PDB file of N, CA and C in Angstrom:
ATOM      1  N   MET A   1     133.456  -3.483  62.261  1.00  0.00           N
ATOM      2  CA  MET A   1     134.305  -3.614  63.431  1.00  0.00           C
ATOM      3  C   MET A   1     133.471  -4.228  64.566  1.00  0.00           C
ATOM      4  N   SER A   2     134.023  -5.230  65.216  1.00  0.00           N
ATOM      5  CA  SER A   2     133.276  -5.908  66.270  1.00  0.00           C
ATOM      6  C   SER A   2     133.324  -5.102  67.578  1.00  0.00           C
ATOM      7  N   ASP A   3     132.475  -5.492  68.517  1.00  0.00           N
ATOM      8  CA  ASP A   3     132.424  -4.800  69.815  1.00  0.00           C
ATOM      9  C   ASP A   3     133.744  -4.943  70.562  1.00  0.00           C
ATOM     10  N   LYS A   4     134.375  -6.103  70.438  1.00  0.00           N
ATOM     11  CA  LYS A   4     135.640  -6.336  71.134  1.00  0.00           C
ATOM     12  C   LYS A   4     136.721  -5.399  70.603  1.00  0.00           C
ATOM     13  N   GLN A   5     136.770  -5.207  69.290  1.00  0.00           N
ATOM     14  CA  GLN A   5     137.757  -4.315  68.692  1.00  0.00           C
ATOM     15  C   GLN A   5     137.487  -2.867  69.085  1.00  0.00           C
ATOM     16  N   LYS A   6     136.216  -2.497  69.189  1.00  0.00           N
ATOM     17  CA  LYS A   6     135.872  -1.136  69.588  1.00  0.00           C
ATOM     18  C   LYS A   6     136.364  -0.856  71.013  1.00  0.00           C
ATOM     19  N   LEU A   7     136.211  -1.855  71.897  1.00  0.00           N
ATOM     20  CA  LEU A   7     136.667  -1.683  73.273  1.00  0.00           C
ATOM     21  C   LEU A   7     138.184  -1.591  73.351  1.00  0.00           C
ATOM     22  N   LEU A   8     138.872  -2.363  72.525  1.00  0.00           N
ATOM     23  CA  LEU A   8     140.335  -2.335  72.542  1.00  0.00           C
ATOM     24  C   LEU A   8     140.875  -1.027  71.987  1.00  0.00           C
ATOM     25  N   ASN A   9     140.206  -0.435  71.035  1.00  0.00           N
ATOM     26  CA  ASN A   9     140.665   0.804  70.423  1.00  0.00           C
ATOM     27  C   ASN A   9     140.243   2.047  71.200  1.00  0.00           C
ATOM     28  N   LYS A  10     139.388   1.907  72.194  1.00  0.00           N
ATOM     29  CA  LYS A  10     138.878   3.040  72.944  1.00  0.00           C
ATOM     30  C   LYS A  10     139.973   3.604  73.853  1.00  0.00           C
ATOM     31  N   LYS A  11     140.096   4.914  73.899  1.00  0.00           N
ATOM     32  CA  LYS A  11     141.100   5.557  74.743  1.00  0.00           C
ATOM     33  C   LYS A  11     140.615   5.565  76.186  1.00  0.00           C
ATOM     34  N   PRO A  12     141.531   5.425  77.149  1.00  0.00           N
ATOM     35  CA  PRO A  12     141.117   5.475  78.556  1.00  0.00           C
ATOM     36  C   PRO A  12     140.661   6.887  78.933  1.00  0.00           C
ATOM     37  N   TYR A  13     139.869   6.968  79.978  1.00  0.00           N
ATOM     38  CA  TYR A  13     139.350   8.250  80.445  1.00  0.00           C
ATOM     39  C   TYR A  13     140.507   9.120  80.917  1.00  0.00           C
ATOM     40  N   GLN A  14     140.587  10.311  80.395  1.00  0.00           N
ATOM     41  CA  GLN A  14     141.662  11.231  80.757  1.00  0.00           C
ATOM     42  C   GLN A  14     141.288  12.084  81.958  1.00  0.00           C
ATOM     43  N   GLY A  15     140.022  12.444  82.069  1.00  0.00           N
ATOM     44  CA  GLY A  15     139.560  13.221  83.210  1.00  0.00           C
ATOM     45  C   GLY A  15     140.079  14.643  83.203  1.00  0.00           C
ATOM     46  N   LYS A  16     139.681  15.374  84.233  1.00  0.00           N
ATOM     47  CA  LYS A  16     140.148  16.746  84.375  1.00  0.00           C
ATOM     48  C   LYS A  16     141.404  16.752  85.232  1.00  0.00           C
ATOM     49  N   LYS A  17     142.240  17.740  85.024  1.00  0.00           N
ATOM     50  CA  LYS A  17     143.445  17.858  85.831  1.00  0.00           C
ATOM     51  C   LYS A  17     143.080  18.280  87.254  1.00  0.00           C
ATOM     52  N   THR A  18     143.849  17.809  88.213  1.00  0.00           N
ATOM     53  CA  THR A  18     143.625  18.155  89.609  1.00  0.00           C
ATOM     54  C   THR A  18     144.040  19.598  89.836  1.00  0.00           C
ATOM     55  N   PRO A  19     143.197  20.386  90.495  1.00  0.00           N
ATOM     56  CA  PRO A  19     143.573  21.772  90.779  1.00  0.00           C
ATOM     57  C   PRO A  19     144.812  21.830  91.671  1.00  0.00           C
ATOM     58  N   SER A  20     145.572  22.884  91.556  1.00  0.00           N
ATOM     59  CA  SER A  20     146.837  22.997  92.284  1.00  0.00           C
ATOM     60  C   SER A  20     146.625  23.008  93.801  1.00  0.00           C
ATOM     61  N   TYR A  21     145.496  23.560  94.275  1.00  0.00           N
ATOM     62  CA  TYR A  21     145.283  23.609  95.723  1.00  0.00           C
ATOM     63  C   TYR A  21     144.925  22.247  96.315  1.00  0.00           C
ATOM     64  N   LEU A  22     144.670  21.252  95.464  1.00  0.00           N
ATOM     65  CA  LEU A  22     144.369  19.904  95.954  1.00  0.00           C
ATOM     66  C   LEU A  22     145.511  18.927  95.742  1.00  0.00           C
ATOM     67  N   LYS A  23     146.654  19.385  95.290  1.00  0.00           N
ATOM     68  CA  LYS A  23     147.784  18.487  95.016  1.00  0.00           C
ATOM     69  C   LYS A  23     148.261  17.789  96.290  1.00  0.00           C
ATOM     70  N   GLN A  24     148.229  18.476  97.421  1.00  0.00           N
ATOM     71  CA  GLN A  24     148.673  17.896  98.688  1.00  0.00           C
ATOM     72  C   GLN A  24     147.514  17.326  99.499  1.00  0.00           C
ATOM     73  N   GLY A  25     146.337  17.257  98.924  1.00  0.00           N
ATOM     74  CA  GLY A  25     145.168  16.745  99.621  1.00  0.00           C
ATOM     75  C   GLY A  25     144.205  17.860  99.951  1.00  0.00           C
ATOM     76  N   PRO A  26     143.026  17.524 100.435  1.00  0.00           N
ATOM     77  CA  PRO A  26     142.014  18.540 100.689  1.00  0.00           C
ATOM     78  C   PRO A  26     142.311  19.425 101.903  1.00  0.00           C
ATOM     79  N   VAL A  27     143.123  18.953 102.829  1.00  0.00           N
ATOM     80  CA  VAL A  27     143.447  19.727 104.021  1.00  0.00           C
ATOM     81  C   VAL A  27     144.960  19.875 104.079  1.00  0.00           C
ATOM     82  N   SER A  28     145.427  21.076 104.282  1.00  0.00           N
ATOM     83  CA  SER A  28     146.873  21.285 104.256  1.00  0.00           C
ATOM     84  C   SER A  28     147.561  20.753 105.511  1.00  0.00           C
ATOM     85  N   LYS A  29     146.957  20.965 106.672  1.00  0.00           N
ATOM     86  CA  LYS A  29     147.555  20.457 107.918  1.00  0.00           C
ATOM     87  C   LYS A  29     146.683  19.336 108.450  1.00  0.00           C
ATOM     88  N   ARG A  30     147.202  18.149 108.376  1.00  0.00           N
ATOM     89  CA  ARG A  30     146.451  16.988 108.848  1.00  0.00           C
ATOM     90  C   ARG A  30     147.029  16.488 110.160  1.00  0.00           C
ATOM     91  N   GLY A  31     146.194  15.860 110.952  1.00  0.00           N
ATOM     92  CA  GLY A  31     146.634  15.272 112.202  1.00  0.00           C
ATOM     93  C   GLY A  31     146.137  13.840 112.304  1.00  0.00           C
ATOM     94  N   CYS A  32     146.815  13.056 113.101  1.00  0.00           N
ATOM     95  CA  CYS A  32     146.433  11.655 113.280  1.00  0.00           C
ATOM     96  C   CYS A  32     145.436  11.579 114.426  1.00  0.00           C
ATOM     97  N   THR A  33     144.165  11.379 114.116  1.00  0.00           N
ATOM     98  CA  THR A  33     143.133  11.314 115.150  1.00  0.00           C
ATOM     99  C   THR A  33     142.816   9.885 115.554  1.00  0.00           C
ATOM    100  N   ASP A  34     143.254   8.915 114.780  1.00  0.00           N
ATOM    101  CA  ASP A  34     142.946   7.528 115.096  1.00  0.00           C
ATOM    102  C   ASP A  34     143.885   6.942 116.144  1.00  0.00           C
ATOM    103  N   PHE A  35     144.949   7.633 116.475  1.00  0.00           N
ATOM    104  CA  PHE A  35     145.913   7.098 117.429  1.00  0.00           C
ATOM    105  C   PHE A  35     145.283   6.935 118.805  1.00  0.00           C
ATOM    106  N   LEU A  36     144.514   7.907 119.247  1.00  0.00           N
ATOM    107  CA  LEU A  36     143.852   7.824 120.556  1.00  0.00           C
ATOM    108  C   LEU A  36     142.863   6.659 120.577  1.00  0.00           C
ATOM    109  N   CYS A  37     142.123   6.480 119.499  1.00  0.00           N
ATOM    110  CA  CYS A  37     141.182   5.355 119.422  1.00  0.00           C
ATOM    111  C   CYS A  37     141.919   4.023 119.460  1.00  0.00           C
ATOM    112  N   PHE A  38     143.062   3.952 118.808  1.00  0.00           N
ATOM    113  CA  PHE A  38     143.855   2.719 118.834  1.00  0.00           C
ATOM    114  C   PHE A  38     144.347   2.423 120.249  1.00  0.00           C
ATOM    115  N   ILE A  39     144.795   3.433 120.958  1.00  0.00           N
ATOM    116  CA  ILE A  39     145.263   3.233 122.341  1.00  0.00           C
ATOM    117  C   ILE A  39     144.113   2.735 123.217  1.00  0.00           C
ATOM    118  N   LEU A  40     142.922   3.323 123.067  1.00  0.00           N
ATOM    119  CA  LEU A  40     141.765   2.873 123.846  1.00  0.00           C
ATOM    120  C   LEU A  40     141.369   1.441 123.495  1.00  0.00           C
ATOM    121  N   LEU A  41     141.421   1.102 122.221  1.00  0.00           N
ATOM    122  CA  LEU A  41     141.103  -0.259 121.801  1.00  0.00           C
ATOM    123  C   LEU A  41     142.113  -1.255 122.363  1.00  0.00           C
ATOM    124  N   ALA A  42     143.396  -0.929 122.285  1.00  0.00           N
ATOM    125  CA  ALA A  42     144.432  -1.819 122.815  1.00  0.00           C
ATOM    126  C   ALA A  42     144.286  -1.990 124.325  1.00  0.00           C
ATOM    127  N   ALA A  43     143.955  -0.912 125.035  1.00  0.00           N
ATOM    128  CA  ALA A  43     143.762  -1.009 126.486  1.00  0.00           C
ATOM    129  C   ALA A  43     142.559  -1.879 126.817  1.00  0.00           C
ATOM    130  N   THR A  44     141.502  -1.768 126.029  1.00  0.00           N
ATOM    131  CA  THR A  44     140.314  -2.588 126.251  1.00  0.00           C
ATOM    132  C   THR A  44     140.622  -4.057 126.042  1.00  0.00           C
ATOM    133  N   TRP A  45     141.299  -4.369 124.955  1.00  0.00           N
ATOM    134  CA  TRP A  45     141.654  -5.771 124.690  1.00  0.00           C
ATOM    135  C   TRP A  45     142.597  -6.316 125.763  1.00  0.00           C
ATOM    136  N   THR A  46     143.555  -5.512 126.192  1.00  0.00           N
ATOM    137  CA  THR A  46     144.471  -5.959 127.246  1.00  0.00           C
ATOM    138  C   THR A  46     143.693  -6.235 128.526  1.00  0.00           C
ATOM    139  N   GLY A  47     142.770  -5.350 128.875  1.00  0.00           N
ATOM    140  CA  GLY A  47     141.946  -5.571 130.062  1.00  0.00           C
ATOM    141  C   GLY A  47     141.099  -6.828 129.946  1.00  0.00           C
ATOM    142  N   MET A  48     140.532  -7.077 128.766  1.00  0.00           N
ATOM    143  CA  MET A  48     139.722  -8.280 128.573  1.00  0.00           C
ATOM    144  C   MET A  48     140.561  -9.546 128.722  1.00  0.00           C
ATOM    145  N   VAL A  49     141.780  -9.515 128.219  1.00  0.00           N
ATOM    146  CA  VAL A  49     142.664 -10.680 128.344  1.00  0.00           C
ATOM    147  C   VAL A  49     143.001 -10.933 129.810  1.00  0.00           C
ATOM    148  N   PHE A  50     143.341  -9.871 130.548  1.00  0.00           N
ATOM    149  CA  PHE A  50     143.662 -10.050 131.968  1.00  0.00           C
ATOM    150  C   PHE A  50     142.466 -10.546 132.762  1.00  0.00           C
ATOM    151  N   VAL A  51     141.283 -10.030 132.485  1.00  0.00           N
ATOM    152  CA  VAL A  51     140.083 -10.494 133.184  1.00  0.00           C
ATOM    153  C   VAL A  51     139.810 -11.956 132.842  1.00  0.00           C
ATOM    154  N   GLY A  52     139.995 -12.339 131.596  1.00  0.00           N
ATOM    155  CA  GLY A  52     139.799 -13.735 131.206  1.00  0.00           C
ATOM    156  C   GLY A  52     140.779 -14.668 131.878  1.00  0.00           C
ATOM    157  N   ILE A  53     142.049 -14.277 131.917  1.00  0.00           N
ATOM    158  CA  ILE A  53     143.071 -15.110 132.577  1.00  0.00           C
ATOM    159  C   ILE A  53     142.765 -15.236 134.063  1.00  0.00           C
ATOM    160  N   TYR A  54     142.406 -14.112 134.695  1.00  0.00           N
ATOM    161  CA  TYR A  54     142.084 -14.143 136.125  1.00  0.00           C
ATOM    162  C   TYR A  54     140.859 -15.016 136.383  1.00  0.00           C
ATOM    163  N   GLY A  55     139.852 -14.914 135.530  1.00  0.00           N
ATOM    164  CA  GLY A  55     138.639 -15.701 135.718  1.00  0.00           C
ATOM    165  C   GLY A  55     138.880 -17.193 135.572  1.00  0.00           C
ATOM    166  N   PHE A  56     139.685 -17.579 134.597  1.00  0.00           N
ATOM    167  CA  PHE A  56     139.955 -19.003 134.405  1.00  0.00           C
ATOM    168  C   PHE A  56     140.885 -19.561 135.475  1.00  0.00           C
ATOM    169  N   SER A  57     141.824 -18.755 135.956  1.00  0.00           N
ATOM    170  CA  SER A  57     142.758 -19.278 136.959  1.00  0.00           C
ATOM    171  C   SER A  57     142.153 -19.313 138.359  1.00  0.00           C
ATOM    172  N   ASN A  58     141.240 -18.407 138.690  1.00  0.00           N
ATOM    173  CA  ASN A  58     140.684 -18.355 140.039  1.00  0.00           C
ATOM    174  C   ASN A  58     139.238 -18.824 140.128  1.00  0.00           C
ATOM    175  N   GLY A  59     138.644 -19.141 139.028  1.00  0.00           N
ATOM    176  CA  GLY A  59     137.240 -19.518 139.050  1.00  0.00           C
ATOM    177  C   GLY A  59     137.017 -20.897 138.460  1.00  0.00           C
ATOM    178  N   ASP A  60     135.768 -21.190 138.169  1.00  0.00           N
ATOM    179  CA  ASP A  60     135.378 -22.468 137.593  1.00  0.00           C
ATOM    180  C   ASP A  60     134.632 -22.198 136.292  1.00  0.00           C
ATOM    181  N   PRO A  61     135.323 -22.275 135.160  1.00  0.00           N
ATOM    182  CA  PRO A  61     134.676 -21.953 133.888  1.00  0.00           C
ATOM    183  C   PRO A  61     133.495 -22.872 133.568  1.00  0.00           C
ATOM    184  N   ALA A  62     133.507 -24.107 134.056  1.00  0.00           N
ATOM    185  CA  ALA A  62     132.405 -25.026 133.789  1.00  0.00           C
ATOM    186  C   ALA A  62     131.123 -24.583 134.494  1.00  0.00           C
ATOM    187  N   ALA A  63     131.245 -23.803 135.556  1.00  0.00           N
ATOM    188  CA  ALA A  63     130.070 -23.342 136.286  1.00  0.00           C
ATOM    189  C   ALA A  63     129.243 -22.339 135.469  1.00  0.00           C
ATOM    190  N   ILE A  64     129.834 -21.770 134.451  1.00  0.00           N
ATOM    191  CA  ILE A  64     129.093 -20.832 133.599  1.00  0.00           C
ATOM    192  C   ILE A  64     127.955 -21.561 132.897  1.00  0.00           C
ATOM    193  N   PHE A  65     128.218 -22.788 132.462  1.00  0.00           N
ATOM    194  CA  PHE A  65     127.230 -23.546 131.701  1.00  0.00           C
ATOM    195  C   PHE A  65     126.425 -24.514 132.563  1.00  0.00           C
ATOM    196  N   ALA A  66     126.717 -24.574 133.844  1.00  0.00           N
ATOM    197  CA  ALA A  66     126.015 -25.491 134.730  1.00  0.00           C
ATOM    198  C   ALA A  66     124.620 -24.959 135.049  1.00  0.00           C
ATOM    199  N   PRO A  67     123.652 -25.849 135.195  1.00  0.00           N
ATOM    200  CA  PRO A  67     122.296 -25.395 135.516  1.00  0.00           C
ATOM    201  C   PRO A  67     122.174 -25.001 136.996  1.00  0.00           C
ATOM    202  N   TYR A  68     121.357 -23.997 137.243  1.00  0.00           N
ATOM    203  CA  TYR A  68     121.076 -23.536 138.602  1.00  0.00           C
ATOM    204  C   TYR A  68     119.596 -23.750 138.892  1.00  0.00           C
ATOM    205  N   ASN A  69     119.281 -23.999 140.175  1.00  0.00           N
ATOM    206  CA  ASN A  69     117.874 -24.140 140.537  1.00  0.00           C
ATOM    207  C   ASN A  69     117.281 -22.764 140.833  1.00  0.00           C
ATOM    208  N   LYS A  70     116.023 -22.747 141.262  1.00  0.00           N
ATOM    209  CA  LYS A  70     115.341 -21.472 141.464  1.00  0.00           C
ATOM    210  C   LYS A  70     115.882 -20.689 142.653  1.00  0.00           C
ATOM    211  N   PHE A  71     116.669 -21.329 143.527  1.00  0.00           N
ATOM    212  CA  PHE A  71     117.261 -20.658 144.668  1.00  0.00           C
ATOM    213  C   PHE A  71     118.650 -20.118 144.381  1.00  0.00           C
ATOM    214  N   GLY A  72     119.162 -20.378 143.180  1.00  0.00           N
ATOM    215  CA  GLY A  72     120.496 -19.909 142.796  1.00  0.00           C
ATOM    216  C   GLY A  72     121.609 -20.858 143.135  1.00  0.00           C
ATOM    217  N   ASN A  73     121.274 -22.085 143.549  1.00  0.00           N
ATOM    218  CA  ASN A  73     122.291 -23.083 143.858  1.00  0.00           C
ATOM    219  C   ASN A  73     122.575 -23.949 142.628  1.00  0.00           C
ATOM    220  N   LEU A  74     123.811 -24.468 142.551  1.00  0.00           N
ATOM    221  CA  LEU A  74     124.154 -25.350 141.435  1.00  0.00           C
ATOM    222  C   LEU A  74     123.325 -26.623 141.496  1.00  0.00           C
ATOM    223  N   SER A  75     123.037 -27.171 140.356  1.00  0.00           N
ATOM    224  CA  SER A  75     122.256 -28.396 140.272  1.00  0.00           C
ATOM    225  C   SER A  75     123.020 -29.553 140.908  1.00  0.00           C
ATOM    226  N   LYS A  76     122.297 -30.542 141.405  1.00  0.00           N
ATOM    227  CA  LYS A  76     122.936 -31.701 142.024  1.00  0.00           C
ATOM    228  C   LYS A  76     123.738 -32.496 141.008  1.00  0.00           C
ATOM    229  N   LYS A  77     123.308 -32.489 139.752  1.00  0.00           N
ATOM    230  CA  LYS A  77     124.049 -33.218 138.716  1.00  0.00           C
ATOM    231  C   LYS A  77     125.440 -32.632 138.527  1.00  0.00           C
ATOM    232  N   TYR A  78     125.562 -31.325 138.670  1.00  0.00           N
ATOM    233  CA  TYR A  78     126.862 -30.680 138.476  1.00  0.00           C
ATOM    234  C   TYR A  78     127.760 -30.896 139.667  1.00  0.00           C
ATOM    235  N   SER A  79     127.211 -30.766 140.883  1.00  0.00           N
ATOM    236  CA  SER A  79     128.042 -30.820 142.080  1.00  0.00           C
ATOM    237  C   SER A  79     128.487 -32.232 142.422  1.00  0.00           C
ATOM    238  N   GLY A  80     127.863 -33.248 141.851  1.00  0.00           N
ATOM    239  CA  GLY A  80     128.199 -34.624 142.213  1.00  0.00           C
ATOM    240  C   GLY A  80     129.177 -35.214 141.317  1.00  0.00           C
TER     241      GLY A  80
END
């Protein structure tokens, strides 16, 4: 009998039966703890979007990448 035939004739693992106290899961009374984390994450993302919109509408996004001199003023190449 070849190895392939042996694998085809092999019975699947039956395992042990699940104990009755674990039929409904390891904890009988479960609660949703991720909901608070989801609300905090959604609030953070909403705040980031509003800050980004405010920054682009009231500021100069190109100034982020513009070079500054040692006194903190924008470079002449940028301002001209």
